[in-house]
PDB file of N, CA and C in Angstrom:
ATOM      1  N   MET A   1     -46.507-201.025-217.763  1.00  0.00           N
ATOM      2  CA  MET A   1     -47.822-200.661-218.712  1.00  0.00           C
ATOM      3  C   MET A   1     -47.964-199.359-218.459  1.00  0.00           C
ATOM      4  N   PRO A   2     -47.717-198.065-219.488  1.00  0.00           N
ATOM      5  CA  PRO A   2     -48.497-196.892-219.497  1.00  0.00           C
ATOM      6  C   PRO A   2     -49.822-196.695-219.187  1.00  0.00           C
ATOM      7  N   LYS A   3     -49.717-195.624-218.442  1.00  0.00           N
ATOM      8  CA  LYS A   3     -51.389-195.001-218.143  1.00  0.00           C
ATOM      9  C   LYS A   3     -52.361-194.607-219.278  1.00  0.00           C
ATOM     10  N   LYS A   4     -53.162-194.212-219.564  1.00  0.00           N
ATOM     11  CA  LYS A   4     -54.154-193.993-220.364  1.00  0.00           C
ATOM     12  C   LYS A   4     -53.915-192.517-220.067  1.00  0.00           C
ATOM     13  N   PRO A   5     -53.865-191.676-221.122  1.00  0.00           N
ATOM     14  CA  PRO A   5     -53.756-190.122-221.201  1.00  0.00           C
ATOM     15  C   PRO A   5     -55.250-189.470-220.569  1.00  0.00           C
ATOM     16  N   LYS A   6     -55.025-188.464-219.991  1.00  0.00           N
ATOM     17  CA  LYS A   6     -56.315-188.016-219.453  1.00  0.00           C
ATOM     18  C   LYS A   6     -57.043-187.224-220.065  1.00  0.00           C
ATOM     19  N   SER A   7     -58.102-187.281-219.736  1.00  0.00           N
ATOM     20  CA  SER A   7     -59.123-186.829-220.931  1.00  0.00           C
ATOM     21  C   SER A   7     -60.124-185.917-220.132  1.00  0.00           C
ATOM     22  N   PRO A   8     -61.019-184.950-221.072  1.00  0.00           N
ATOM     23  CA  PRO A   8     -61.594-183.683-219.804  1.00  0.00           C
ATOM     24  C   PRO A   8     -62.961-184.455-219.255  1.00  0.00           C
ATOM     25  N   CYS A   9     -62.952-183.935-218.530  1.00  0.00           N
ATOM     26  CA  CYS A   9     -64.093-184.115-217.727  1.00  0.00           C
ATOM     27  C   CYS A   9     -65.648-184.339-218.560  1.00  0.00           C
ATOM     28  N   ARG A  10     -66.459-184.969-217.993  1.00  0.00           N
ATOM     29  CA  ARG A  10     -67.659-184.897-219.170  1.00  0.00           C
ATOM     30  C   ARG A  10     -68.417-184.244-218.770  1.00  0.00           C
ATOM     31  N   PHE A  11     -68.265-183.521-217.728  1.00  0.00           N
ATOM     32  CA  PHE A  11     -69.414-182.515-217.413  1.00  0.00           C
ATOM     33  C   PHE A  11     -69.531-181.046-218.197  1.00  0.00           C
ATOM     34  N   SER A  12     -70.731-180.518-219.004  1.00  0.00           N
ATOM     35  CA  SER A  12     -70.824-179.927-219.705  1.00  0.00           C
ATOM     36  C   SER A  12     -70.135-178.374-219.341  1.00  0.00           C
ATOM     37  N   GLY A  13     -68.663-178.281-219.877  1.00  0.00           N
ATOM     38  CA  GLY A  13     -68.064-176.894-219.634  1.00  0.00           C
ATOM     39  C   GLY A  13     -66.858-177.170-219.059  1.00  0.00           C
ATOM     40  N   CYS A  14     -66.699-178.488-218.183  1.00  0.00           N
ATOM     41  CA  CYS A  14     -65.696-178.687-217.331  1.00  0.00           C
ATOM     42  C   CYS A  14     -64.374-178.374-218.154  1.00  0.00           C
ATOM     43  N   PRO A  15     -63.282-177.865-218.060  1.00  0.00           N
ATOM     44  CA  PRO A  15     -62.281-178.146-218.930  1.00  0.00           C
ATOM     45  C   PRO A  15     -61.047-179.040-218.338  1.00  0.00           C
ATOM     46  N   GLU A  16     -61.259-179.324-216.899  1.00  0.00           N
ATOM     47  CA  GLU A  16     -60.634-180.435-216.008  1.00  0.00           C
ATOM     48  C   GLU A  16     -60.060-181.858-216.440  1.00  0.00           C
ATOM     49  N   LEU A  17     -58.876-181.842-216.760  1.00  0.00           N
ATOM     50  CA  LEU A  17     -58.357-183.190-216.863  1.00  0.00           C
ATOM     51  C   LEU A  17     -58.285-184.211-216.029  1.00  0.00           C
ATOM     52  N   THR A  18     -58.893-185.676-216.395  1.00  0.00           N
ATOM     53  CA  THR A  18     -59.167-186.500-215.350  1.00  0.00           C
ATOM     54  C   THR A  18     -59.072-187.988-215.721  1.00  0.00           C
ATOM     55  N   GLU A  19     -58.248-188.985-215.133  1.00  0.00           N
ATOM     56  CA  GLU A  19     -58.992-190.554-215.351  1.00  0.00           C
ATOM     57  C   GLU A  19     -59.992-191.253-215.607  1.00  0.00           C
ATOM     58  N   ASN A  20     -60.679-190.398-214.942  1.00  0.00           N
ATOM     59  CA  ASN A  20     -61.956-190.788-214.320  1.00  0.00           C
ATOM     60  C   ASN A  20     -63.218-189.862-215.479  1.00  0.00           C
ATOM     61  N   PRO A  21     -64.721-190.875-215.774  1.00  0.00           N
ATOM     62  CA  PRO A  21     -65.471-190.067-216.613  1.00  0.00           C
ATOM     63  C   PRO A  21     -65.645-188.184-215.949  1.00  0.00           C
ATOM     64  N   TYR A  22     -65.734-188.219-214.606  1.00  0.00           N
ATOM     65  CA  TYR A  22     -65.990-186.902-214.109  1.00  0.00           C
ATOM     66  C   TYR A  22     -64.608-186.511-212.991  1.00  0.00           C
ATOM     67  N   CYS A  23     -64.507-185.156-212.901  1.00  0.00           N
ATOM     68  CA  CYS A  23     -63.570-185.039-212.054  1.00  0.00           C
ATOM     69  C   CYS A  23     -63.817-184.700-210.615  1.00  0.00           C
ATOM     70  N   ASP A  24     -63.198-185.016-209.486  1.00  0.00           N
ATOM     71  CA  ASP A  24     -63.403-185.082-208.192  1.00  0.00           C
ATOM     72  C   ASP A  24     -64.465-184.215-208.040  1.00  0.00           C
ATOM     73  N   LYS A  25     -64.799-182.862-208.519  1.00  0.00           N
ATOM     74  CA  LYS A  25     -65.666-182.170-208.256  1.00  0.00           C
ATOM     75  C   LYS A  25     -66.881-182.581-208.723  1.00  0.00           C
ATOM     76  N   HIS A  26     -66.992-182.288-209.796  1.00  0.00           N
ATOM     77  CA  HIS A  26     -68.632-182.803-210.891  1.00  0.00           C
ATOM     78  C   HIS A  26     -68.634-184.397-210.355  1.00  0.00           C
ATOM     79  N   ASN A  27     -67.955-185.572-210.004  1.00  0.00           N
ATOM     80  CA  ASN A  27     -68.029-186.806-209.620  1.00  0.00           C
ATOM     81  C   ASN A  27     -69.530-186.912-208.169  1.00  0.00           C
ATOM     82  N   LYS A  28     -69.295-186.151-207.142  1.00  0.00           N
ATOM     83  CA  LYS A  28     -69.910-185.628-206.367  1.00  0.00           C
ATOM     84  C   LYS A  28     -71.400-185.416-206.827  1.00  0.00           C
ATOM     85  N   GLU A  29     -71.531-184.358-207.807  1.00  0.00           N
ATOM     86  CA  GLU A  29     -72.703-183.697-208.152  1.00  0.00           C
ATOM     87  C   GLU A  29     -73.546-185.011-208.619  1.00  0.00           C
ATOM     88  N   VAL A  30     -72.678-185.325-209.771  1.00  0.00           N
ATOM     89  CA  VAL A  30     -73.497-186.844-210.695  1.00  0.00           C
ATOM     90  C   VAL A  30     -74.063-187.932-209.782  1.00  0.00           C
ATOM     91  N   THR A  31     -72.961-188.625-208.681  1.00  0.00           N
ATOM     92  CA  THR A  31     -73.649-189.551-207.872  1.00  0.00           C
ATOM     93  C   THR A  31     -74.598-189.043-207.359  1.00  0.00           C
ATOM     94  N   LYS A  32     -74.807-187.612-206.773  1.00  0.00           N
ATOM     95  CA  LYS A  32     -75.948-187.398-205.913  1.00  0.00           C
ATOM     96  C   LYS A  32     -77.067-187.172-206.704  1.00  0.00           C
ATOM     97  N   ARG A  33     -77.069-186.910-208.072  1.00  0.00           N
ATOM     98  CA  ARG A  33     -78.176-186.581-209.332  1.00  0.00           C
ATOM     99  C   ARG A  33     -78.464-187.984-209.394  1.00  0.00           C
ATOM    100  N   TYR A  34     -77.784-189.352-209.702  1.00  0.00           N
ATOM    101  CA  TYR A  34     -77.739-190.490-209.797  1.00  0.00           C
ATOM    102  C   TYR A  34     -78.698-191.378-208.877  1.00  0.00           C
ATOM    103  N   ASN A  35     -78.503-191.044-207.837  1.00  0.00           N
ATOM    104  CA  ASN A  35     -78.490-191.565-206.354  1.00  0.00           C
ATOM    105  C   ASN A  35     -80.376-190.908-206.088  1.00  0.00           C
ATOM    106  N   LYS A  36     -80.657-189.876-206.342  1.00  0.00           N
ATOM    107  CA  LYS A  36     -82.045-189.205-206.164  1.00  0.00           C
ATOM    108  C   LYS A  36     -82.882-189.537-207.204  1.00  0.00           C
ATOM    109  N   TYR A  37     -82.332-189.455-208.608  1.00  0.00           N
ATOM    110  CA  TYR A  37     -83.403-189.866-209.734  1.00  0.00           C
ATOM    111  C   TYR A  37     -83.398-191.211-209.947  1.00  0.00           C
ATOM    112  N   GLN A  38     -82.384-191.939-210.291  1.00  0.00           N
ATOM    113  CA  GLN A  38     -82.401-192.844-211.277  1.00  0.00           C
ATOM    114  C   GLN A  38     -82.214-193.876-210.675  1.00  0.00           C
ATOM    115  N   ARG A  39     -81.319-194.105-209.116  1.00  0.00           N
ATOM    116  CA  ARG A  39     -81.291-195.230-208.301  1.00  0.00           C
ATOM    117  C   ARG A  39     -82.626-196.099-207.703  1.00  0.00           C
ATOM    118  N   ASP A  40     -82.883-197.014-207.878  1.00  0.00           N
ATOM    119  CA  ASP A  40     -83.779-197.734-207.064  1.00  0.00           C
ATOM    120  C   ASP A  40     -83.834-197.040-205.586  1.00  0.00           C
ATOM    121  N   PRO A  41     -85.125-196.608-204.977  1.00  0.00           N
ATOM    122  CA  PRO A  41     -85.306-196.284-203.527  1.00  0.00           C
ATOM    123  C   PRO A  41     -84.990-197.237-202.439  1.00  0.00           C
ATOM    124  N   ASN A  42     -85.209-198.358-203.180  1.00  0.00           N
ATOM    125  CA  ASN A  42     -84.901-199.818-202.198  1.00  0.00           C
ATOM    126  C   ASN A  42     -83.687-200.307-202.009  1.00  0.00           C
ATOM    127  N   THR A  43     -82.555-200.225-202.561  1.00  0.00           N
ATOM    128  CA  THR A  43     -81.597-200.095-202.699  1.00  0.00           C
ATOM    129  C   THR A  43     -80.403-199.600-201.400  1.00  0.00           C
ATOM    130  N   TYR A  44     -80.881-198.575-200.700  1.00  0.00           N
ATOM    131  CA  TYR A  44     -80.478-198.563-199.558  1.00  0.00           C
ATOM    132  C   TYR A  44     -81.155-199.399-198.416  1.00  0.00           C
ATOM    133  N   LYS A  45     -82.479-200.031-198.517  1.00  0.00           N
ATOM    134  CA  LYS A  45     -82.751-201.144-197.926  1.00  0.00           C
ATOM    135  C   LYS A  45     -82.068-202.300-197.880  1.00  0.00           C
ATOM    136  N   ARG A  46     -81.407-202.537-199.216  1.00  0.00           N
ATOM    137  CA  ARG A  46     -81.032-204.012-199.302  1.00  0.00           C
ATOM    138  C   ARG A  46     -79.216-203.688-199.397  1.00  0.00           C
ATOM    139  N   TYR A  47     -78.750-202.594-199.092  1.00  0.00           N
ATOM    140  CA  TYR A  47     -77.306-203.045-198.577  1.00  0.00           C
ATOM    141  C   TYR A  47     -77.397-202.092-197.126  1.00  0.00           C
ATOM    142  N   SER A  48     -77.621-202.806-195.971  1.00  0.00           N
ATOM    143  CA  SER A  48     -77.906-202.933-194.849  1.00  0.00           C
ATOM    144  C   SER A  48     -76.488-203.043-193.870  1.00  0.00           C
ATOM    145  N   ASN A  49     -76.780-202.854-192.573  1.00  0.00           N
ATOM    146  CA  ASN A  49     -75.611-203.290-191.684  1.00  0.00           C
ATOM    147  C   ASN A  49     -75.443-204.926-191.891  1.00  0.00           C
ATOM    148  N   ARG A  50     -76.322-205.410-192.052  1.00  0.00           N
ATOM    149  CA  ARG A  50     -76.306-207.129-192.376  1.00  0.00           C
ATOM    150  C   ARG A  50     -75.222-207.136-193.403  1.00  0.00           C
ATOM    151  N   TRP A  51     -75.505-206.536-194.389  1.00  0.00           N
ATOM    152  CA  TRP A  51     -74.546-206.506-195.940  1.00  0.00           C
ATOM    153  C   TRP A  51     -73.310-206.155-195.617  1.00  0.00           C
ATOM    154  N   ARG A  52     -72.780-205.123-194.612  1.00  0.00           N
ATOM    155  CA  ARG A  52     -71.772-204.693-194.478  1.00  0.00           C
ATOM    156  C   ARG A  52     -70.876-205.770-193.498  1.00  0.00           C
ATOM    157  N   ARG A  53     -71.549-206.345-192.877  1.00  0.00           N
ATOM    158  CA  ARG A  53     -70.842-207.547-191.859  1.00  0.00           C
ATOM    159  C   ARG A  53     -70.520-208.742-192.805  1.00  0.00           C
ATOM    160  N   ILE A  54     -71.645-209.094-194.271  1.00  0.00           N
ATOM    161  CA  ILE A  54     -71.349-210.223-195.145  1.00  0.00           C
ATOM    162  C   ILE A  54     -70.375-209.960-195.859  1.00  0.00           C
ATOM    163  N   ARG A  55     -70.220-208.537-196.404  1.00  0.00           N
ATOM    164  CA  ARG A  55     -69.361-208.259-197.340  1.00  0.00           C
ATOM    165  C   ARG A  55     -67.946-208.370-196.500  1.00  0.00           C
ATOM    166  N   GLN A  56     -67.727-208.090-195.299  1.00  0.00           N
ATOM    167  CA  GLN A  56     -66.230-207.759-194.720  1.00  0.00           C
ATOM    168  C   GLN A  56     -65.990-209.750-194.242  1.00  0.00           C
ATOM    169  N   LEU A  57     -67.044-210.084-194.161  1.00  0.00           N
ATOM    170  CA  LEU A  57     -66.479-212.144-193.908  1.00  0.00           C
ATOM    171  C   LEU A  57     -66.022-212.585-195.242  1.00  0.00           C
ATOM    172  N   TYR A  58     -67.069-212.184-196.467  1.00  0.00           N
ATOM    173  CA  TYR A  58     -66.270-212.601-197.527  1.00  0.00           C
ATOM    174  C   TYR A  58     -64.931-211.890-198.196  1.00  0.00           C
ATOM    175  N   ILE A  59     -64.827-210.777-197.861  1.00  0.00           N
ATOM    176  CA  ILE A  59     -63.150-209.945-197.873  1.00  0.00           C
ATOM    177  C   ILE A  59     -62.425-210.611-197.089  1.00  0.00           C
ATOM    178  N   LYS A  60     -62.537-211.571-196.252  1.00  0.00           N
ATOM    179  CA  LYS A  60     -61.571-212.084-195.405  1.00  0.00           C
ATOM    180  C   LYS A  60     -61.214-213.338-195.935  1.00  0.00           C
ATOM    181  N   GLU A  61     -62.635-213.896-196.117  1.00  0.00           N
ATOM    182  CA  GLU A  61     -62.221-215.363-196.974  1.00  0.00           C
ATOM    183  C   GLU A  61     -61.559-215.372-198.557  1.00  0.00           C
ATOM    184  N   HIS A  62     -61.467-214.075-199.349  1.00  0.00           N
ATOM    185  CA  HIS A  62     -61.632-213.710-200.726  1.00  0.00           C
ATOM    186  C   HIS A  62     -60.754-212.834-200.568  1.00  0.00           C
ATOM    187  N   PRO A  63     -59.476-212.226-199.972  1.00  0.00           N
ATOM    188  CA  PRO A  63     -58.649-211.175-199.914  1.00  0.00           C
ATOM    189  C   PRO A  63     -58.336-210.516-201.452  1.00  0.00           C
ATOM    190  N   VAL A  64     -58.360-211.748-202.262  1.00  0.00           N
ATOM    191  CA  VAL A  64     -57.656-210.928-203.751  1.00  0.00           C
ATOM    192  C   VAL A  64     -58.598-210.819-204.505  1.00  0.00           C
ATOM    193  N   CYS A  65     -58.375-210.255-205.887  1.00  0.00           N
ATOM    194  CA  CYS A  65     -59.076-210.075-207.088  1.00  0.00           C
ATOM    195  C   CYS A  65     -59.579-211.158-207.657  1.00  0.00           C
ATOM    196  N   GLU A  66     -60.755-211.806-207.797  1.00  0.00           N
ATOM    197  CA  GLU A  66     -60.885-213.149-208.502  1.00  0.00           C
ATOM    198  C   GLU A  66     -60.560-212.948-210.031  1.00  0.00           C
ATOM    199  N   LEU A  67     -61.004-212.001-210.666  1.00  0.00           N
ATOM    200  CA  LEU A  67     -60.997-211.742-212.131  1.00  0.00           C
ATOM    201  C   LEU A  67     -59.093-211.754-212.361  1.00  0.00           C
ATOM    202  N   CYS A  68     -58.618-211.001-211.588  1.00  0.00           N
ATOM    203  CA  CYS A  68     -57.164-210.620-211.979  1.00  0.00           C
ATOM    204  C   CYS A  68     -56.466-211.952-211.318  1.00  0.00           C
ATOM    205  N   GLU A  69     -56.678-212.812-210.335  1.00  0.00           N
ATOM    206  CA  GLU A  69     -56.043-213.877-209.947  1.00  0.00           C
ATOM    207  C   GLU A  69     -56.280-214.923-210.762  1.00  0.00           C
ATOM    208  N   ARG A  70     -57.062-214.739-211.906  1.00  0.00           N
ATOM    209  CA  ARG A  70     -57.331-215.848-212.898  1.00  0.00           C
ATOM    210  C   ARG A  70     -56.315-215.494-213.917  1.00  0.00           C
ATOM    211  N   LYS A  71     -55.702-214.129-214.145  1.00  0.00           N
ATOM    212  CA  LYS A  71     -54.831-214.253-214.558  1.00  0.00           C
ATOM    213  C   LYS A  71     -53.604-214.273-214.168  1.00  0.00           C
ATOM    214  N   ASN A  72     -53.078-214.449-212.752  1.00  0.00           N
ATOM    215  CA  ASN A  72     -51.830-214.379-212.326  1.00  0.00           C
ATOM    216  C   ASN A  72     -51.164-213.692-211.811  1.00  0.00           C
ATOM    217  N   ILE A  73     -52.524-212.088-211.954  1.00  0.00           N
ATOM    218  CA  ILE A  73     -52.078-211.255-210.551  1.00  0.00           C
ATOM    219  C   ILE A  73     -52.555-210.986-209.877  1.00  0.00           C
ATOM    220  N   LEU A  74     -52.125-210.755-208.220  1.00  0.00           N
ATOM    221  CA  LEU A  74     -52.659-210.473-207.302  1.00  0.00           C
ATOM    222  C   LEU A  74     -52.975-209.248-206.905  1.00  0.00           C
ATOM    223  N   LYS A  75     -54.314-208.673-206.536  1.00  0.00           N
ATOM    224  CA  LYS A  75     -54.763-207.368-206.588  1.00  0.00           C
ATOM    225  C   LYS A  75     -55.237-207.244-205.441  1.00  0.00           C
ATOM    226  N   PRO A  76     -55.544-206.389-204.140  1.00  0.00           N
ATOM    227  CA  PRO A  76     -56.099-206.773-202.933  1.00  0.00           C
ATOM    228  C   PRO A  76     -57.817-206.522-203.563  1.00  0.00           C
ATOM    229  N   VAL A  77     -58.825-206.511-203.082  1.00  0.00           N
ATOM    230  CA  VAL A  77     -60.412-206.536-203.292  1.00  0.00           C
ATOM    231  C   VAL A  77     -60.631-205.235-202.809  1.00  0.00           C
ATOM    232  N   GLU A  78     -61.375-204.084-203.520  1.00  0.00           N
ATOM    233  CA  GLU A  78     -61.684-203.167-203.094  1.00  0.00           C
ATOM    234  C   GLU A  78     -63.336-203.310-203.505  1.00  0.00           C
ATOM    235  N   GLU A  79     -64.065-204.231-203.904  1.00  0.00           N
ATOM    236  CA  GLU A  79     -65.681-203.981-204.041  1.00  0.00           C
ATOM    237  C   GLU A  79     -66.003-205.553-204.021  1.00  0.00           C
ATOM    238  N   VAL A  80     -67.009-206.077-203.579  1.00  0.00           N
ATOM    239  CA  VAL A  80     -67.558-207.153-203.698  1.00  0.00           C
ATOM    240  C   VAL A  80     -68.686-207.022-204.590  1.00  0.00           C
ATOM    241  N   HIS A  81     -68.686-207.951-205.555  1.00  0.00           N
ATOM    242  CA  HIS A  81     -69.608-207.920-206.381  1.00  0.00           C
ATOM    243  C   HIS A  81     -70.950-208.583-206.228  1.00  0.00           C
ATOM    244  N   HIS A  82     -71.924-208.670-207.046  1.00  0.00           N
ATOM    245  CA  HIS A  82     -73.174-209.564-207.000  1.00  0.00           C
ATOM    246  C   HIS A  82     -73.462-209.868-208.484  1.00  0.00           C
ATOM    247  N   ILE A  83     -73.167-211.348-208.797  1.00  0.00           N
ATOM    248  CA  ILE A  83     -73.328-211.841-210.009  1.00  0.00           C
ATOM    249  C   ILE A  83     -74.661-211.641-210.521  1.00  0.00           C
ATOM    250  N   VAL A  84     -75.406-212.139-209.278  1.00  0.00           N
ATOM    251  CA  VAL A  84     -77.141-211.462-209.702  1.00  0.00           C
ATOM    252  C   VAL A  84     -77.677-210.769-209.257  1.00  0.00           C
ATOM    253  N   PRO A  85     -77.444-209.268-209.890  1.00  0.00           N
ATOM    254  CA  PRO A  85     -77.757-208.168-209.255  1.00  0.00           C
ATOM    255  C   PRO A  85     -78.720-208.312-208.214  1.00  0.00           C
ATOM    256  N   LEU A  86     -78.866-207.729-206.668  1.00  0.00           N
ATOM    257  CA  LEU A  86     -80.286-207.515-206.022  1.00  0.00           C
ATOM    258  C   LEU A  86     -81.520-207.058-206.719  1.00  0.00           C
ATOM    259  N   SER A  87     -81.106-206.083-207.185  1.00  0.00           N
ATOM    260  CA  SER A  87     -82.800-205.503-208.026  1.00  0.00           C
ATOM    261  C   SER A  87     -83.319-206.658-209.344  1.00  0.00           C
ATOM    262  N   LYS A  88     -82.178-207.681-209.429  1.00  0.00           N
ATOM    263  CA  LYS A  88     -82.503-208.766-210.439  1.00  0.00           C
ATOM    264  C   LYS A  88     -82.867-210.052-209.535  1.00  0.00           C
ATOM    265  N   GLY A  89     -83.392-209.956-208.070  1.00  0.00           N
ATOM    266  CA  GLY A  89     -83.752-211.057-207.588  1.00  0.00           C
ATOM    267  C   GLY A  89     -82.422-211.958-206.793  1.00  0.00           C
ATOM    268  N   GLY A  90     -81.085-211.246-207.045  1.00  0.00           N
ATOM    269  CA  GLY A  90     -80.098-211.962-206.488  1.00  0.00           C
ATOM    270  C   GLY A  90     -80.034-211.640-204.990  1.00  0.00           C
ATOM    271  N   THR A  91     -79.256-212.873-204.527  1.00  0.00           N
ATOM    272  CA  THR A  91     -79.199-212.603-202.573  1.00  0.00           C
ATOM    273  C   THR A  91     -77.849-212.215-202.633  1.00  0.00           C
ATOM    274  N   HIS A  92     -77.677-211.935-201.092  1.00  0.00           N
ATOM    275  CA  HIS A  92     -76.279-211.590-200.221  1.00  0.00           C
ATOM    276  C   HIS A  92     -75.549-213.400-200.111  1.00  0.00           C
ATOM    277  N   ASN A  93     -76.146-214.168-200.810  1.00  0.00           N
ATOM    278  CA  ASN A  93     -75.398-215.805-200.632  1.00  0.00           C
ATOM    279  C   ASN A  93     -73.785-215.881-201.237  1.00  0.00           C
ATOM    280  N   GLU A  94     -72.774-216.716-200.792  1.00  0.00           N
ATOM    281  CA  GLU A  94     -71.776-216.488-201.254  1.00  0.00           C
ATOM    282  C   GLU A  94     -72.050-217.172-202.648  1.00  0.00           C
ATOM    283  N   GLU A  95     -72.398-218.001-202.694  1.00  0.00           N
ATOM    284  CA  GLU A  95     -72.198-218.227-204.667  1.00  0.00           C
ATOM    285  C   GLU A  95     -73.063-217.133-205.254  1.00  0.00           C
ATOM    286  N   ASN A  96     -73.443-216.301-204.851  1.00  0.00           N
ATOM    287  CA  ASN A  96     -73.687-215.035-206.015  1.00  0.00           C
ATOM    288  C   ASN A  96     -72.709-214.110-205.684  1.00  0.00           C
ATOM    289  N   LEU A  97     -71.640-213.997-204.143  1.00  0.00           N
ATOM    290  CA  LEU A  97     -70.860-213.036-204.575  1.00  0.00           C
ATOM    291  C   LEU A  97     -69.475-213.260-204.874  1.00  0.00           C
ATOM    292  N   MET A  98     -68.460-212.129-205.767  1.00  0.00           N
ATOM    293  CA  MET A  98     -67.379-211.878-206.264  1.00  0.00           C
ATOM    294  C   MET A  98     -66.414-210.827-206.078  1.00  0.00           C
ATOM    295  N   SER A  99     -65.189-211.162-205.060  1.00  0.00           N
ATOM    296  CA  SER A  99     -64.452-210.065-204.974  1.00  0.00           C
ATOM    297  C   SER A  99     -63.571-209.645-205.880  1.00  0.00           C
ATOM    298  N   LEU A 100     -63.942-208.512-205.894  1.00  0.00           N
ATOM    299  CA  LEU A 100     -62.917-207.883-207.386  1.00  0.00           C
ATOM    300  C   LEU A 100     -62.383-206.279-206.941  1.00  0.00           C
ATOM    301  N   CYS A 101     -61.003-206.059-208.137  1.00  0.00           N
ATOM    302  CA  CYS A 101     -60.931-204.600-207.710  1.00  0.00           C
ATOM    303  C   CYS A 101     -61.681-203.757-208.286  1.00  0.00           C
ATOM    304  N   LYS A 102     -61.566-202.804-208.035  1.00  0.00           N
ATOM    305  CA  LYS A 102     -62.412-201.217-208.072  1.00  0.00           C
ATOM    306  C   LYS A 102     -62.362-201.573-209.955  1.00  0.00           C
ATOM    307  N   SER A 103     -60.930-201.567-210.695  1.00  0.00           N
ATOM    308  CA  SER A 103     -60.550-201.498-211.895  1.00  0.00           C
ATOM    309  C   SER A 103     -62.210-202.561-212.863  1.00  0.00           C
ATOM    310  N   CYS A 104     -61.925-204.000-211.999  1.00  0.00           N
ATOM    311  CA  CYS A 104     -62.819-204.824-212.504  1.00  0.00           C
ATOM    312  C   CYS A 104     -63.772-205.248-212.316  1.00  0.00           C
ATOM    313  N   HIS A 105     -64.676-204.399-211.397  1.00  0.00           N
ATOM    314  CA  HIS A 105     -65.575-204.022-210.853  1.00  0.00           C
ATOM    315  C   HIS A 105     -66.435-202.779-211.780  1.00  0.00           C
ATOM    316  N   SER A 106     -65.662-201.793-212.017  1.00  0.00           N
ATOM    317  CA  SER A 106     -66.158-201.178-213.205  1.00  0.00           C
ATOM    318  C   SER A 106     -66.201-202.049-214.427  1.00  0.00           C
ATOM    319  N   ARG A 107     -65.559-202.479-214.860  1.00  0.00           N
ATOM    320  CA  ARG A 107     -65.873-202.984-216.509  1.00  0.00           C
ATOM    321  C   ARG A 107     -66.672-204.106-216.429  1.00  0.00           C
ATOM    322  N   LEU A 108     -66.919-204.969-215.229  1.00  0.00           N
ATOM    323  CA  LEU A 108     -67.803-206.086-215.517  1.00  0.00           C
ATOM    324  C   LEU A 108     -69.170-205.387-215.695  1.00  0.00           C
ATOM    325  N   THR A 109     -69.496-204.586-214.660  1.00  0.00           N
ATOM    326  CA  THR A 109     -70.578-203.347-214.068  1.00  0.00           C
ATOM    327  C   THR A 109     -70.808-202.548-215.843  1.00  0.00           C
ATOM    328  N   ALA A 110     -69.701-202.253-216.231  1.00  0.00           N
ATOM    329  CA  ALA A 110     -70.277-201.539-217.492  1.00  0.00           C
ATOM    330  C   ALA A 110     -70.664-202.509-218.847  1.00  0.00           C
ATOM    331  N   THR A 111     -70.156-203.717-218.768  1.00  0.00           N
ATOM    332  CA  THR A 111     -70.564-204.658-219.693  1.00  0.00           C
ATOM    333  C   THR A 111     -71.940-205.408-219.422  1.00  0.00           C
ATOM    334  N   GLU A 112     -72.099-205.325-218.206  1.00  0.00           N
ATOM    335  CA  GLU A 112     -73.511-205.742-217.527  1.00  0.00           C
ATOM    336  C   GLU A 112     -74.616-204.552-217.654  1.00  0.00           C
ATOM    337  N   GLY A 113     -74.406-203.348-218.233  1.00  0.00           N
ATOM    338  CA  GLY A 113     -75.434-202.397-218.423  1.00  0.00           C
ATOM    339  C   GLY A 113     -75.502-201.779-217.031  1.00  0.00           C
ATOM    340  N   GLY A 114     -74.762-201.475-215.990  1.00  0.00           N
ATOM    341  CA  GLY A 114     -74.565-201.082-214.896  1.00  0.00           C
ATOM    342  C   GLY A 114     -75.164-199.546-214.994  1.00  0.00           C
ATOM    343  N   ARG A 115     -74.718-198.763-213.863  1.00  0.00           N
ATOM    344  CA  ARG A 115     -75.027-197.562-214.210  1.00  0.00           C
ATOM    345  C   ARG A 115     -74.318-196.833-215.094  1.00  0.00           C
ATOM    346  N   TRP A 116     -72.680-197.538-215.331  1.00  0.00           N
ATOM    347  CA  TRP A 116     -72.290-196.270-216.770  1.00  0.00           C
ATOM    348  C   TRP A 116     -72.521-196.959-217.844  1.00  0.00           C
ATOM    349  N   GLY A 117     -73.002-198.224-217.924  1.00  0.00           N
ATOM    350  CA  GLY A 117     -73.246-198.922-219.280  1.00  0.00           C
ATOM    351  C   GLY A 117     -74.064-198.323-220.826  1.00  0.00           C
TER     352      GLY A 117
END
């Protein structure tokens, strides 16, 4: 399948062409601003060393993207998604987790009204 053509960086005045919303240079800046002014300060408490261990164990048990697998596509896991977000009362329990590739996670987060939605 052919790739989508590159488009200009969304950062005002940047002529860089990229496959993502922002070029590498501006993505860091936008992410830093988002984390400082828009992200819930309790986020860092929710994603502790305990979460990293849970994530590693979940990836070991579910090494393939669960959405791609439904379409008979085998893509390795890059993200572990909370079905009910922690900010809305979700937990790190296995029933609330889903292993996803980067593209599926981005698409799912956007449709749920996450950061890019």
